[in-house]
Protein backbone atom coordinates (compact mmCIF):
# COMPACT_ATOMS: atom_id res chain seq x y z
CA MET A 1 -0.11 -0.03 0.27
CA LEU A 2 1.33 3.19 -1.15
CA ARG A 3 -0.25 5.38 1.61
CA GLN A 4 2.76 7.94 1.21
CA ALA A 5 0.41 8.81 -1.94
CA LEU A 6 -2.72 9.66 0.10
CA ARG A 7 -2.38 12.34 2.04
CA PRO A 8 -5.40 13.00 3.99
CA ASP A 9 -5.35 16.77 3.29
CA ALA A 10 -5.68 16.29 -0.35
CA SER A 11 -8.06 12.89 -1.04
CA ASP A 12 -12.09 12.58 -0.54
CA PRO A 13 -12.88 10.27 2.56
CA GLN A 14 -15.24 8.21 0.30
CA VAL A 15 -12.35 7.60 -2.32
CA LEU A 16 -10.15 6.69 0.54
CA GLY A 17 -12.78 4.10 2.05
CA LEU A 18 -13.15 2.43 -1.70
CA PHE A 19 -9.55 1.94 -1.75
CA HIS A 20 -9.23 0.24 1.86
CA ARG A 21 -11.91 -1.67 0.88
CA ALA A 22 -10.21 -2.80 -2.07
CA VAL A 23 -7.03 -3.52 -0.34
CA ALA A 24 -9.15 -5.84 1.95
CA ASP A 25 -10.82 -7.69 -0.86
CA LEU A 26 -6.89 -8.04 -2.30
CA ARG A 27 -6.25 -9.55 0.92
CA ARG A 28 -8.77 -12.00 0.84
CA ALA A 29 -8.21 -13.00 -2.52
CA GLY A 30 -4.88 -14.22 -1.70
CA ALA A 31 -2.55 -11.16 -1.83
CA GLU A 32 0.14 -10.26 0.57
CA ILE A 33 -0.44 -7.18 1.59
CA VAL A 34 2.67 -5.08 2.95
CA ASP A 35 1.42 -2.15 5.21
CA PRO A 36 3.14 0.29 6.21
CA PHE A 37 5.65 0.36 3.34
CA VAL A 38 8.00 3.77 2.87
CA ILE A 39 9.80 4.99 0.60
CA PRO A 40 12.47 7.41 2.17
CA GLU A 41 13.04 9.72 -0.39
CA PHE A 42 9.31 10.03 -1.75
CA ASP A 43 8.91 13.64 -1.11
CA GLN A 44 11.60 14.58 -3.54
CA PHE A 45 9.85 13.14 -6.27
CA ALA A 46 6.67 15.56 -6.60
CA PRO A 47 4.49 15.37 -9.90
CA ARG A 48 5.47 17.32 -12.53
CA LEU A 49 3.94 18.20 -15.94
CA HIS A 50 5.20 16.92 -19.16
CA PRO A 51 7.69 19.29 -20.61
CA LEU A 52 6.09 21.94 -23.13
CA SER A 53 9.04 20.92 -25.76
CA GLU A 54 7.64 17.27 -25.82
CA VAL A 55 4.28 18.52 -25.48
CA ARG A 56 4.41 20.18 -28.90
CA ALA A 57 6.96 17.14 -30.34
CA ALA A 58 4.01 15.08 -29.66
CA LEU A 59 1.28 17.07 -31.19
CA GLU A 60 2.93 18.07 -34.54
CA ARG A 61 3.89 14.40 -35.04
CA TYR A 62 0.19 13.55 -34.58
CA LEU A 63 -1.32 16.58 -36.28
CA ALA A 64 1.23 15.44 -39.39
CA LYS A 65 -0.42 12.19 -39.94
CA THR A 66 -4.22 13.13 -39.94
CA GLY A 67 -6.41 13.51 -42.75
CA PRO A 68 -6.59 16.66 -45.27
CA LYS A 69 -9.03 18.38 -43.35
CA PHE A 70 -7.27 18.41 -39.97
CA PRO A 71 -4.68 21.51 -39.17
CA ARG A 72 -1.58 20.43 -39.90
CA GLY A 73 0.42 22.05 -36.67
CA LEU A 74 -0.02 23.58 -33.77
CA ALA A 75 0.53 26.88 -35.26
CA GLU A 76 -2.44 26.39 -37.62
CA ILE A 77 -4.47 25.77 -34.31
CA VAL A 78 -3.78 28.80 -32.40
CA ALA A 79 -4.38 30.77 -35.28
CA SER A 80 -8.01 29.50 -36.14
CA GLY A 81 -8.90 29.55 -32.36
CA LYS A 82 -11.21 26.85 -32.34
CA PHE A 83 -10.15 25.15 -28.95
CA HIS A 84 -12.13 24.55 -25.59
CA PRO A 85 -10.69 27.57 -23.43
CA LEU A 86 -9.82 25.42 -20.99
CA HIS A 87 -6.88 24.21 -23.09
CA GLU A 88 -5.90 28.20 -24.45
CA VAL A 89 -2.86 28.54 -22.12
CA GLY A 90 -1.48 25.25 -22.64
CA LEU A 91 -1.67 25.23 -26.37
CA LEU A 92 -0.15 28.87 -26.44
CA GLU A 93 2.55 27.80 -24.73
CA ALA A 94 3.56 24.83 -26.22
CA SER A 95 3.49 26.40 -29.58
CA THR A 96 6.32 28.12 -29.06
CA ALA A 97 8.23 25.90 -26.89
CA PRO A 98 11.72 24.49 -28.21
CA THR A 99 12.55 21.24 -29.47
CA PRO A 100 13.00 18.25 -26.85
CA GLU A 101 16.94 18.33 -28.04
CA ASP A 102 17.43 21.80 -26.78
CA ASP A 103 15.18 21.64 -23.95
CA PRO A 104 17.43 21.85 -20.48
CA VAL A 105 13.70 20.84 -18.43
CA VAL A 106 14.00 17.60 -20.22
CA LYS A 107 17.63 16.61 -19.38
CA GLN A 108 16.30 17.48 -15.66
CA LEU A 109 13.25 15.47 -15.79
CA GLU A 110 15.29 12.54 -17.23
CA ALA A 111 17.54 12.51 -14.34
CA GLY A 112 15.11 13.11 -11.97
CA GLU A 113 13.31 10.39 -13.12
CA ALA A 114 16.56 8.13 -12.74
CA ARG A 115 16.80 9.09 -9.23
CA MET A 116 13.09 8.11 -8.60
CA ARG A 117 13.15 4.57 -10.14
CA ALA A 118 16.61 3.73 -7.96
CA ALA A 119 14.58 5.04 -4.81
CA TYR A 120 11.24 2.82 -5.58
CA LEU A 121 13.51 -0.36 -6.65
CA ALA A 122 15.60 0.00 -3.25
CA ALA A 123 12.25 0.01 -1.01
CA MET A 124 10.85 -2.32 -3.02
CA ASP A 125 13.45 -5.00 -3.31
CA GLU A 126 14.15 -4.32 1.06
CA LEU A 127 10.59 -5.74 1.24
CA ARG A 128 10.44 -7.88 -1.58
CA ILE A 129 7.41 -6.14 -3.14
CA ASP A 130 6.22 -6.73 -6.41
CA VAL A 131 3.16 -4.22 -7.02
CA LEU A 132 2.24 -1.07 -5.49
CA ALA A 133 -1.58 -0.23 -4.98
CA PHE A 134 -3.19 2.85 -4.68
CA PRO A 135 -6.01 4.84 -6.09
CA THR A 136 -5.90 6.27 -9.61
CA ALA A 137 -6.77 9.21 -8.07
CA THR A 138 -7.70 10.37 -4.64
CA TYR A 139 -10.69 12.46 -5.73
CA PRO A 140 -14.38 11.49 -7.65
CA PRO A 141 -14.33 12.46 -11.42
CA LYS A 142 -14.35 15.88 -12.23
CA LEU A 143 -16.63 17.54 -15.11
CA ASN A 144 -14.05 19.10 -17.75
CA GLY A 145 -14.73 22.67 -16.86
CA ASP A 146 -14.28 21.69 -13.07
CA ARG A 147 -10.56 20.94 -13.16
CA ASN A 148 -9.45 24.62 -12.79
CA THR A 149 -11.26 25.12 -9.74
CA THR A 150 -11.62 21.53 -7.75
CA PRO A 151 -8.85 19.29 -7.33
CA THR A 152 -8.62 15.64 -9.11
CA GLY A 153 -5.73 14.24 -7.08
CA ALA A 154 -5.14 12.37 -10.16
CA LEU A 155 -1.55 9.60 -9.29
CA SER A 156 -1.35 8.37 -12.48
CA GLY A 157 1.79 10.48 -13.03
CA ILE A 158 3.69 7.88 -10.89
CA ALA A 159 3.97 5.38 -13.26
CA SER A 160 4.13 7.89 -16.15
CA ALA A 161 7.54 8.96 -14.60
CA LEU A 162 8.91 5.75 -13.44
CA ARG A 163 8.35 4.48 -16.82
CA TRP A 164 6.77 1.43 -15.35
CA PRO A 165 3.59 -1.04 -16.41
CA ALA A 166 0.44 0.02 -14.47
CA ALA A 167 -2.97 -1.52 -14.64
CA VAL A 168 -6.13 0.36 -13.25
CA VAL A 169 -9.32 -1.81 -12.39
CA PRO A 170 -12.90 -0.47 -11.05
CA MET A 171 -12.76 -0.29 -7.21
CA GLY A 172 -16.19 1.41 -6.91
CA TYR A 173 -18.41 4.39 -6.98
CA SER A 174 -18.65 7.23 -4.78
CA TYR A 175 -21.73 9.84 -4.47
CA GLU A 176 -23.74 10.12 -7.20
CA SER A 177 -22.59 7.02 -8.95
CA LEU A 178 -18.99 9.20 -9.24
CA PRO A 179 -16.25 5.53 -10.35
CA SER A 180 -13.08 5.23 -8.97
CA GLY A 181 -10.59 3.12 -9.90
CA LEU A 182 -7.81 0.99 -7.99
CA GLN A 183 -4.12 1.21 -9.91
CA LEU A 184 -1.64 -1.24 -9.40
CA LEU A 185 1.79 -0.28 -10.21
CA GLY A 186 4.43 -3.30 -11.07
CA ARG A 187 8.40 -2.93 -11.68
CA PRO A 188 9.44 -3.32 -15.13
CA TRP A 189 8.48 -6.02 -17.49
CA SER A 190 5.92 -6.78 -14.82
CA GLU A 191 2.91 -6.66 -17.12
CA PRO A 192 1.47 -11.08 -17.03
CA LEU A 193 1.67 -10.45 -13.14
CA LEU A 194 -0.22 -6.89 -13.58
CA ILE A 195 -2.84 -8.65 -16.16
CA GLY A 196 -3.20 -11.84 -13.64
CA LEU A 197 -3.85 -9.75 -10.44
CA ALA A 198 -6.36 -7.17 -12.53
CA TYR A 199 -8.20 -9.95 -13.50
CA VAL A 200 -8.66 -11.98 -9.99
CA TYR A 201 -9.52 -8.96 -8.27
CA GLU A 202 -11.91 -7.65 -10.76
CA GLN A 203 -13.52 -11.63 -10.69
CA ALA A 204 -13.72 -11.20 -6.91
CA THR A 205 -15.18 -7.94 -7.01
CA ARG A 206 -17.20 -7.46 -9.92
CA HIS A 207 -17.29 -3.42 -9.23
CA ARG A 208 -17.98 -2.64 -12.84
CA VAL A 209 -21.23 -1.70 -13.86
CA PRO A 210 -21.87 -1.50 -17.63
CA PRO A 211 -23.09 2.31 -18.54
CA THR A 212 -26.43 2.45 -20.00
CA THR A 213 -25.57 4.87 -22.90
CA VAL A 214 -24.34 1.95 -24.83
CA PRO A 215 -25.13 -1.45 -26.09
CA PRO A 216 -23.81 -4.62 -24.48
CA LEU A 217 -20.78 -6.54 -26.08
CA ARG A 218 -21.95 -9.10 -27.51
CA ASP A 219 -19.83 -12.38 -29.37
C-alpha cells in the first residue's frame, strides 16, 4: 500500500474508503499485503507536468499524419482559435516551445526520473514488494470545466514518471455513482503479473457497472 500518495488533506474520504475496501478484497483473494510501506525519498519526487517541448513534439507528430481536413500543426490550431478555453494557455505555450533536444527541462526531468526509479526499486527490494497499490485519483471524477477550480488528486503520474507498467481496475463508486479506479503499479516487465492480479481482483469484486448509454458487447 503506497500510503504516502494518499495525503489526508488531498484526498476525498469516500475515495479513501473505496481504496481500503479494495485492499481488504485483495487480501481475501490471496494477496499478501505489506502495510506500512515507505519510500524514504518519496517527497523528493513531486508530480511534474510533461515539458512543453515534448507536448509540442507529440502534437506535431500526430497532426502531421492526420487527414487533409485536419490542421497540419499547432500554429494552425492557434491561428484558428478553434479550441476549448480550458486548453488555451497550454496550446499557446506549447506552440512556442523549443525542440526536446534543445530543452534543458527535459534533461533535468530525465535525471530526476532515473533517481526516482532507483529509490522505488531499493524500497521495493528491501521488503520484496511485487506491486504497489493506490487509487488512480484521490478525488472523484470532475466535469471537464471543473478541473481548474477543484482538485483531481490524479496519481497516474507516478507510473508515468517511473516508466513502469500499471493496470487500473474499477474499485467502486462514490457519491452520485462516480467511479474510482484501483491502480496496480508493477516493476519493469511485470505485465503478466499485473494482468493476472487485475483479473483476479475484477472477478472477486465485480465492481464494474456497464454504462446504460451504450449497447452491451456481444460475441
